[in-house]
Protein backbone atom coordinates (compact mmCIF):
# COMPACT_ATOMS: atom_id res chain seq x y z
CA GLN A 1 -19.15 -20.20 15.76
CA PHE A 2 -21.60 -21.23 18.36
CA SER A 3 -19.78 -19.52 21.15
CA ARG A 4 -22.19 -16.68 19.76
CA TYR A 5 -25.63 -16.93 21.15
CA ALA A 6 -27.19 -16.02 17.84
CA ASN A 7 -26.00 -18.85 16.12
CA LEU A 8 -26.88 -21.22 18.89
CA PHE A 9 -30.66 -19.80 18.78
CA PHE A 10 -30.87 -20.05 15.09
CA LEU A 11 -29.80 -24.07 15.23
CA PHE A 12 -32.49 -24.51 18.19
CA THR A 13 -34.94 -22.80 15.85
CA GLY A 14 -33.66 -25.05 12.58
CA CYS A 15 -33.84 -28.22 14.83
CA ILE A 16 -37.48 -27.71 16.30
CA GLN A 17 -38.66 -26.72 12.59
CA GLN A 18 -37.70 -30.29 11.77
CA ILE A 19 -40.71 -31.70 14.41
CA SER A 20 -43.73 -32.35 12.02
CA GLY A 21 -46.59 -30.65 13.36
CA VAL A 22 -44.99 -27.78 14.94
CA SER A 23 -43.40 -25.35 11.97
CA PRO A 24 -46.01 -23.02 10.30
CA THR A 25 -43.04 -22.74 7.71
CA SER A 26 -40.87 -24.66 5.47
CA ARG A 27 -38.26 -26.98 7.49
CA TRP A 28 -35.42 -25.42 5.59
CA THR A 29 -36.39 -21.93 6.13
CA THR A 30 -33.61 -20.96 8.89
CA ILE A 31 -31.43 -23.78 8.48
CA VAL A 32 -30.52 -22.68 4.89
CA PRO A 33 -29.94 -19.02 5.90
CA LEU A 34 -27.73 -20.18 8.74
CA ALA A 35 -25.54 -22.44 6.60
CA VAL A 36 -24.81 -19.67 4.77
CA VAL A 37 -24.25 -17.48 7.24
CA LEU A 38 -21.32 -20.09 8.76
CA ALA A 39 -20.08 -20.96 5.12
CA ALA A 40 -19.16 -17.00 5.06
CA THR A 41 -17.64 -16.78 8.60
CA ALA A 42 -15.88 -20.06 7.82
CA ALA A 43 -14.43 -18.92 4.54
CA LYS A 44 -13.02 -15.70 6.75
CA GLU A 45 -11.35 -18.03 9.28
CA LEU A 46 -10.24 -20.22 6.27
CA ALA A 47 -8.34 -17.02 4.51
CA GLU A 48 -6.66 -15.93 7.64
CA ASP A 49 -5.88 -19.33 8.52
CA MET A 50 -4.09 -20.15 5.11
CA LYS A 51 -1.98 -17.05 5.66
CA ARG A 52 -0.42 -18.66 8.88
CA HIS A 53 -0.17 -22.08 6.64
CA ARG A 54 1.76 -20.40 4.06
CA SER A 55 4.01 -18.50 6.79
CA ASP A 56 4.51 -22.05 8.68
CA ALA A 57 5.12 -23.64 5.05
CA GLU A 58 7.84 -21.23 4.08
CA MET A 59 9.96 -21.62 7.41
CA ASN A 60 9.91 -25.57 7.29
CA LYS A 61 11.14 -25.66 3.43
CA SER A 62 14.12 -23.21 4.52
CA SER A 63 17.43 -24.90 3.83
CA VAL A 64 20.60 -25.87 5.95
CA ARG A 65 23.63 -27.61 5.46
CA VAL A 66 23.96 -30.97 7.01
CA LEU A 67 26.81 -33.37 6.90
CA ALA A 68 26.66 -36.36 4.95
CA GLY A 69 29.85 -38.25 5.02
CA THR A 70 32.74 -35.65 4.42
CA SER A 71 30.63 -32.93 3.05
CA PHE A 72 27.52 -30.95 3.73
CA GLU A 73 24.54 -31.13 2.05
CA GLU A 74 21.47 -29.18 1.49
CA ARG A 75 18.25 -30.16 3.26
CA THR A 76 15.12 -28.58 4.20
CA TRP A 77 14.09 -27.87 8.02
CA ARG A 78 11.58 -30.53 7.97
CA ASP A 79 13.97 -33.03 6.82
CA VAL A 80 16.67 -32.31 10.01
CA VAL A 81 16.71 -35.23 12.68
CA VAL A 82 17.83 -35.93 15.95
CA GLY A 83 21.79 -36.49 15.69
CA ASP A 84 22.66 -34.62 12.43
CA ILE A 85 25.40 -32.27 12.41
CA VAL A 86 24.80 -28.76 11.00
CA ARG A 87 26.60 -26.01 9.74
CA VAL A 88 24.78 -22.54 10.04
CA GLU A 89 26.19 -19.48 8.87
CA ASN A 90 25.94 -15.57 9.91
CA LYS A 91 22.55 -14.25 10.17
CA GLU A 92 20.75 -17.59 9.59
CA ALA A 93 18.18 -18.69 11.92
CA ILE A 94 18.70 -21.67 13.66
CA PRO A 95 16.57 -24.72 12.31
CA ALA A 96 16.68 -26.83 15.61
CA ASP A 97 17.72 -26.95 19.27
CA ILE A 98 21.05 -27.50 18.93
CA VAL A 99 24.28 -28.44 20.77
CA LEU A 100 27.13 -26.10 19.90
CA LEU A 101 30.41 -28.08 18.68
CA SER A 102 32.83 -25.39 17.33
CA SER A 103 32.60 -21.87 15.76
CA SER A 104 34.84 -19.82 13.39
CA GLU A 105 35.76 -17.76 16.35
CA PRO A 106 38.25 -18.18 18.68
CA GLU A 107 37.63 -20.62 21.67
CA GLY A 108 34.22 -21.72 19.86
CA ILE A 109 32.71 -18.69 20.96
CA CYS A 110 29.63 -17.77 18.77
CA TYR A 111 26.89 -14.66 19.61
CA VAL A 112 23.29 -15.42 18.84
CA GLU A 113 19.91 -12.80 18.93
CA THR A 114 17.07 -14.26 20.88
CA SER A 115 14.50 -11.77 20.03
CA ASN A 116 12.22 -14.15 18.64
CA LEU A 117 12.08 -16.01 21.92
CA ASP A 118 12.35 -13.37 24.72
CA GLY A 119 12.39 -10.09 22.95
CA GLU A 120 15.69 -9.25 23.66
CA THR A 121 17.79 -7.74 21.19
CA ASN A 122 21.23 -7.85 22.84
CA LEU A 123 23.55 -10.50 21.73
CA LYS A 124 24.23 -13.30 23.78
CA VAL A 125 27.23 -15.55 23.88
CA LYS A 126 27.27 -18.99 23.97
CA GLN A 127 30.40 -21.27 23.84
CA ALA A 128 31.52 -24.78 22.88
CA LEU A 129 32.98 -27.32 24.79
CA PRO A 130 36.81 -26.82 25.22
CA GLU A 131 37.01 -30.73 23.88
CA THR A 132 34.82 -29.76 21.04
CA ALA A 133 35.94 -26.35 19.73
CA GLY A 134 39.05 -27.83 17.82
CA LEU A 135 36.56 -29.71 15.39
CA LEU A 136 37.13 -27.35 12.58
CA THR A 137 36.61 -29.61 9.22
CA PRO A 138 34.07 -31.80 7.95
CA ALA A 139 37.01 -34.24 8.18
CA ASP A 140 37.00 -33.86 11.81
CA LEU A 141 33.14 -34.11 12.47
CA CYS A 142 33.19 -37.48 10.60
CA GLY A 143 35.77 -38.64 13.37
CA LEU A 144 33.19 -38.17 16.09
CA ARG A 145 31.76 -41.44 17.91
CA GLY A 146 29.33 -40.87 20.44
CA HIS A 147 25.84 -39.88 21.80
CA LEU A 148 24.20 -37.14 23.99
CA LYS A 149 22.52 -38.20 26.75
CA THR A 150 19.82 -34.95 27.53
CA GLU A 151 16.64 -33.98 29.41
CA LEU A 152 13.21 -34.72 28.34
CA PRO A 153 11.86 -32.05 26.01
CA ASN A 154 10.30 -29.33 28.05
CA ASP A 155 9.56 -25.73 27.80
CA SER A 156 12.25 -23.99 29.67
CA LEU A 157 14.53 -21.77 27.75
CA TYR A 158 16.74 -20.84 30.28
CA THR A 159 18.09 -24.37 31.55
CA PHE A 160 19.30 -27.69 30.22
CA GLU A 161 20.94 -30.90 31.11
CA GLY A 162 23.05 -33.02 29.26
CA THR A 163 26.15 -34.98 28.70
CA LEU A 164 27.99 -35.67 25.63
CA VAL A 165 29.31 -39.30 25.68
CA SER A 166 32.33 -39.90 23.51
CA GLU A 167 32.96 -43.66 22.50
CA GLY A 168 36.45 -43.50 20.72
CA GLY A 169 37.08 -41.74 17.42
CA LYS A 170 38.38 -37.85 17.47
CA LEU A 171 37.36 -37.21 21.39
CA GLY A 172 38.41 -40.68 22.79
CA PHE A 173 36.73 -42.16 25.79
CA ARG A 174 35.07 -39.44 27.76
CA GLU A 175 31.90 -37.82 29.07
CA CYS A 176 31.50 -34.02 28.81
CA ALA A 177 28.69 -32.06 30.96
CA LEU A 178 26.76 -29.92 28.46
CA ASP A 179 24.75 -26.67 30.27
CA PRO A 180 22.83 -23.70 28.68
CA THR A 181 26.38 -22.24 27.34
CA GLN A 182 26.25 -24.65 24.75
CA VAL A 183 22.92 -24.73 23.34
CA LEU A 184 21.12 -22.76 20.56
CA LEU A 185 17.42 -22.68 20.50
CA ARG A 186 15.22 -22.90 17.57
CA GLY A 187 13.92 -19.09 16.25
CA ALA A 188 17.67 -17.60 17.73
CA ILE A 189 19.97 -15.88 14.79
CA LEU A 190 23.10 -16.60 14.31
CA ARG A 191 25.23 -12.76 14.20
CA ASN A 192 28.42 -11.67 13.95
CA THR A 193 30.15 -15.34 13.58
CA ASP A 194 30.72 -16.52 9.94
CA TRP A 195 29.85 -20.36 10.83
CA ILE A 196 29.10 -22.88 13.45
CA TYR A 197 28.91 -26.65 13.55
CA ALA A 198 26.38 -28.24 15.87
CA VAL A 199 24.81 -31.31 16.70
CA VAL A 200 20.85 -31.27 16.69
CA VAL A 201 19.02 -32.42 20.00
CA PHE A 202 15.41 -31.36 19.39
CA THR A 203 13.29 -30.77 16.22
CA GLY A 204 10.06 -30.04 15.45
CA HIS A 205 7.06 -29.71 18.39
CA GLU A 206 9.70 -30.99 20.67
CA THR A 207 12.07 -27.64 20.37
CA LYS A 208 11.47 -25.33 23.41
CA LEU A 209 10.39 -22.77 21.48
CA MET A 210 7.36 -25.13 19.84
CA ARG A 211 6.90 -26.31 23.73
CA ASN A 212 5.89 -22.44 24.95
CA ALA A 213 3.71 -22.23 21.56
CA SER A 214 0.22 -22.78 23.30
CA ALA A 215 -2.96 -23.44 21.25
CA THR A 216 -4.77 -20.25 20.18
CA PRO A 217 -7.80 -19.49 22.94
CA ILE A 218 -11.35 -18.45 21.99
CA LYS A 219 -10.92 -14.42 22.40
CA ARG A 220 -14.40 -13.08 22.96
CA THR A 221 -14.44 -9.16 22.51
CA ASN A 222 -16.26 -6.99 24.57
CA VAL A 223 -18.74 -6.16 21.17
CA GLU A 224 -19.07 -10.02 20.96
CA ARG A 225 -20.09 -10.01 24.67
CA THR A 226 -22.40 -7.49 24.61
CA THR A 227 -24.25 -8.62 21.50
CA ASN A 228 -24.53 -12.36 23.38
CA ARG A 229 -26.17 -10.18 26.39
CA GLN A 230 -28.36 -8.74 24.01
CA ILE A 231 -29.16 -11.80 22.30
CA ILE A 232 -30.36 -13.38 25.20
CA PHE A 233 -32.50 -10.33 26.16
CA LEU A 234 -34.46 -10.63 22.96
CA PHE A 235 -34.78 -14.20 23.36
CA GLY A 236 -36.19 -13.60 26.90
CA ILE A 237 -38.88 -11.39 25.08
CA LEU A 238 -38.99 -13.65 22.45
CA LEU A 239 -40.00 -16.56 25.06
CA ALA A 240 -42.49 -14.20 26.96
CA LEU A 241 -44.18 -13.53 23.49
CA ALA A 242 -44.48 -16.76 22.80
CA VAL A 243 -45.83 -18.01 26.31
CA LEU A 244 -48.24 -15.44 26.05
CA SER A 245 -49.42 -16.02 22.52
CA ALA A 246 -49.80 -19.95 23.33
CA LEU A 247 -51.45 -18.91 26.08
CA GLY A 248 -54.15 -16.99 24.08
CA SER A 249 -54.25 -19.73 21.48
CA GLN A 250 -55.58 -22.08 24.16
CA ILE A 251 -57.99 -19.78 25.59
CA MET A 252 -59.38 -18.93 22.74
CA THR A 253 -59.54 -22.54 21.36
CA SER A 254 -61.20 -24.11 24.53
CA ARG A 255 -63.91 -21.07 24.55
CA ASN A 256 -64.85 -21.13 20.68
CA ARG A 257 -64.06 -24.94 19.82
CA ASP A 258 -67.57 -25.03 18.34
CA LYS A 259 -67.19 -22.20 16.23
CA LEU A 260 -63.89 -23.45 15.02
CA ALA A 261 -65.15 -26.67 12.96
CA TYR A 262 -63.40 -25.61 9.93
CA LEU A 263 -60.27 -26.20 11.68
CA VAL A 264 -59.00 -29.86 12.57
CA LEU A 265 -58.21 -29.20 16.23
CA PRO A 266 -57.37 -31.97 19.10
CA ALA A 267 -59.93 -33.49 20.87
CA SER A 268 -58.83 -31.63 23.97
CA SER A 269 -56.47 -28.97 25.25
CA SER A 270 -53.27 -30.98 26.71
CA ALA A 271 -50.07 -29.78 28.14
CA THR A 272 -48.35 -31.25 24.60
CA THR A 273 -50.32 -28.75 22.36
CA PHE A 274 -49.64 -25.83 24.53
CA VAL A 275 -45.69 -26.82 24.57
CA LYS A 276 -46.49 -27.58 20.68
CA ASN A 277 -47.82 -24.00 20.47
CA ILE A 278 -45.02 -22.54 22.42
CA LEU A 279 -42.61 -23.77 19.70
CA THR A 280 -44.71 -22.79 16.94
CA PHE A 281 -44.69 -19.09 17.86
CA ILE A 282 -41.17 -19.10 18.63
CA ILE A 283 -40.84 -20.20 14.69
CA LEU A 284 -43.02 -17.46 14.01
CA TYR A 285 -41.28 -14.61 15.93
CA ASN A 286 -37.82 -15.88 15.36
CA ASN A 287 -37.19 -12.84 13.24
CA LEU A 288 -36.98 -10.69 16.44
CA ILE A 289 -33.55 -11.80 16.37
CA PRO A 290 -32.17 -10.62 13.00
CA ILE A 291 -29.98 -13.58 11.15
CA SER A 292 -28.07 -11.22 9.40
CA LEU A 293 -26.78 -9.51 12.15
CA MET A 294 -23.37 -11.57 12.50
CA VAL A 295 -22.73 -11.35 9.08
CA THR A 296 -22.98 -7.91 9.09
CA MET A 297 -20.65 -7.27 11.92
CA GLU A 298 -18.01 -9.90 10.26
CA VAL A 299 -18.24 -8.03 7.23
CA VAL A 300 -17.54 -4.65 8.86
CA LYS A 301 -14.56 -6.29 10.94
CA PHE A 302 -13.27 -7.57 7.67
CA GLN A 303 -13.05 -4.28 6.02
CA GLN A 304 -11.74 -2.43 8.86
CA ALA A 305 -8.73 -5.11 9.24
CA GLN A 306 -8.42 -4.13 5.33
CA LEU A 307 -8.05 -0.43 6.44
CA ILE A 308 -5.61 -1.30 8.65
CA ASN A 309 -3.34 -2.95 6.19
CA ALA A 310 -3.65 0.00 3.78
CA ASP A 311 -2.93 2.54 6.12
CA MET A 312 0.17 4.61 4.99
CA ASP A 313 0.93 5.53 8.01
CA MET A 314 1.83 2.71 9.56
CA TYR A 315 3.95 1.43 6.57
CA GLU A 316 7.82 0.96 7.12
CA GLU A 317 9.17 2.26 4.13
CA SER A 318 12.79 1.14 4.70
CA SER A 319 11.93 -2.74 4.62
CA ASP A 320 8.90 -2.54 2.59
CA THR A 321 6.76 -3.54 5.25
CA PRO A 322 3.17 -2.79 5.05
CA ALA A 323 0.98 -3.23 8.52
CA LEU A 324 -0.51 -6.61 8.77
CA ALA A 325 -3.71 -7.64 10.79
CA ARG A 326 -3.82 -11.26 11.35
CA THR A 327 -7.17 -11.67 12.56
CA SER A 328 -10.45 -9.33 11.67
CA SER A 329 -11.16 -9.02 15.62
CA LEU A 330 -8.10 -6.67 15.82
CA VAL A 331 -9.81 -4.04 15.78
CA GLU A 332 -12.23 -4.44 18.68
CA GLU A 333 -9.39 -5.95 20.68
CA LEU A 334 -7.30 -2.67 19.90
CA GLY A 335 -10.49 -0.72 21.23
CA GLN A 336 -10.31 -2.33 24.49
CA ILE A 337 -6.91 -1.33 25.25
CA GLU A 338 -6.65 1.51 28.32
CA TYR A 339 -2.88 0.86 29.15
CA ILE A 340 0.21 0.08 27.85
CA PHE A 341 2.85 -1.47 30.56
CA SER A 342 6.38 -1.56 29.42
CA ASP A 343 9.48 -2.89 31.02
CA LYS A 344 12.29 -0.22 29.67
CA THR A 345 12.23 2.74 26.76
CA GLY A 346 13.77 0.27 23.89
CA THR A 347 10.38 -2.01 23.83
CA LEU A 348 8.10 0.81 22.34
CA THR A 349 10.61 2.96 20.81
CA CYS A 350 13.60 2.49 18.14
CA ASN A 351 17.05 2.16 19.39
CA ILE A 352 18.98 3.50 16.51
CA MET A 353 21.88 5.38 16.94
CA GLU A 354 22.57 8.13 14.80
CA PHE A 355 26.05 9.52 14.27
CA ARG A 356 25.56 13.07 13.65
CA GLN A 357 28.44 15.16 15.17
CA CYS A 358 31.97 14.72 16.63
CA SER A 359 34.93 16.94 18.07
CA ILE A 360 38.35 15.38 16.71
CA GLY A 361 41.26 17.09 18.15
CA GLY A 362 39.22 20.37 18.69
CA VAL A 363 38.04 20.30 15.47
CA MET A 364 34.28 19.69 15.11
CA TYR A 365 32.59 17.94 12.44
CA SER A 366 28.70 17.41 11.74
CA ASP A 367 26.58 15.51 9.18
CA VAL A 368 24.67 19.03 8.27
CA VAL A 369 26.22 22.17 8.83
CA GLU A 370 24.48 25.36 8.52
CA ALA A 371 25.58 28.45 6.22
CA GLY A 372 26.99 30.49 8.79
CA ARG A 373 28.86 28.07 11.05
CA ARG A 374 30.96 26.47 8.24
CA ALA A 375 34.61 25.88 9.37
CA ARG A 376 36.95 28.74 8.85
CA VAL A 377 40.48 29.34 9.84
CA VAL A 378 41.37 32.27 12.20
CA ASP A 379 44.70 33.03 13.75
CA GLY A 380 45.61 29.96 12.86
CA ALA A 381 42.78 28.05 14.66
CA VAL A 382 39.77 26.34 13.18
CA VAL A 383 36.51 27.94 13.91
CA GLY A 384 32.88 26.46 13.16
CA GLN A 385 32.20 22.97 11.47
CA TYR A 386 33.34 20.54 8.85
CA ASP A 387 30.89 18.40 7.24
CA PHE A 388 31.32 14.69 6.90
CA GLY A 389 32.23 15.02 3.34
CA GLN A 390 35.07 17.24 4.06
CA LEU A 391 35.70 14.63 7.32
CA ARG A 392 36.46 11.72 4.61
CA GLU A 393 38.43 14.09 2.59
CA HIS A 394 40.86 14.79 5.47
CA MET A 395 40.95 11.04 6.22
CA ALA A 396 42.13 10.72 2.69
CA ALA A 397 44.77 13.52 3.02
CA GLY A 398 47.51 11.17 4.30
CA SER A 399 48.66 13.97 6.84
CA GLU A 400 49.35 13.43 10.40
CA ARG A 401 45.55 14.71 11.06
CA SER A 402 44.09 11.94 8.93
CA ALA A 403 46.32 9.55 11.45
CA MET A 404 44.45 11.29 14.07
CA LEU A 405 40.87 10.70 12.36
CA TYR A 406 41.47 6.68 11.84
CA GLU A 407 42.51 6.58 15.59
CA PHE A 408 39.21 8.14 16.70
CA PHE A 409 37.27 5.92 14.49
CA GLN A 410 39.23 2.73 15.74
CA LEU A 411 38.47 3.53 19.12
CA LEU A 412 34.56 4.40 18.54
CA ALA A 413 34.43 1.11 16.45
CA THR A 414 35.78 -0.52 19.33
CA CYS A 415 34.18 0.74 22.28
CA HIS A 416 30.56 1.21 20.63
CA THR A 417 28.53 0.37 24.00
């Protein structure tokens, strides 16, 4: 909070008010309002941090199946340790950095979506070592004996060096080299694979995802920088006024000392008295910089963030997800955006393919058919379009045409890229 010069100024003023014989006001006049201002800001920051904390707690309480003896038991993510053998099922998030041992697919293949790591929504193929791909039951996994030799924890998402060292048991005595093909990173999601078995290599803050998460820097918005500059300007004016006033006081006191017998004045006008007078006038004129300025700005920003959250134009109805402004300074940051650089069309648009029309054996089918374009038979040939409801009826009819329709959709499902 003291990166804001207004708070720094009021802290300075509050400190010089504690010097006896300098302050013309109570020593609590500035400190108490400053404490209230900082407490209000701290409460707002606490509310925003608590949201993040709850999100982290929910993630850590997620459950995963860990091999214990000859069966799997449920454990929370935070209880998973290096060396555990875990079972992850389709559409579940990966709880730690793990090395793939086997999967439900042939040859130990599995598919992961890494959009949480690198923003890519296309699935990546991972494959277990041929030596471990046959470990398909908990009993097989119990027969594993050995250890992993791996690189030290690092932040490189696309590299991995390690060796699986088998010390007898199911695999015999051998060493198998590991590479990124066998490694599934925390944050990725398993797709199109019923289940996988894997051994944990890095957990918690040693995972590559957490290694890439840096501390949030203090972001100074344009409004805050402008306010800081204006406060420096006002402080310059305040200092000039205080020096001039102290100079005027010094001159008046030295000229009229005999007429001011009712004041307890020091015997002589010294540099110490002059400096004390400057500090006194700074305290007197400190209202030139308003202490409520920061609170007013915080309240406005907080309210604008609530307006973003309540904006129906940014509400996603299909997933029941409203907009969420995680920080109240978002409004100022959005206001500074001049250009958006995008690497490809899928980044800013929704890549959702919708099945609208098809032509099968020369007959048109469409999801919506206008009244004048409905299908009719002219001279034994079909003219116009059928709707998708009629397409289903044709498929269910059991005729030669329905076999052609089935073949069409079989090909479409196979060659869907």
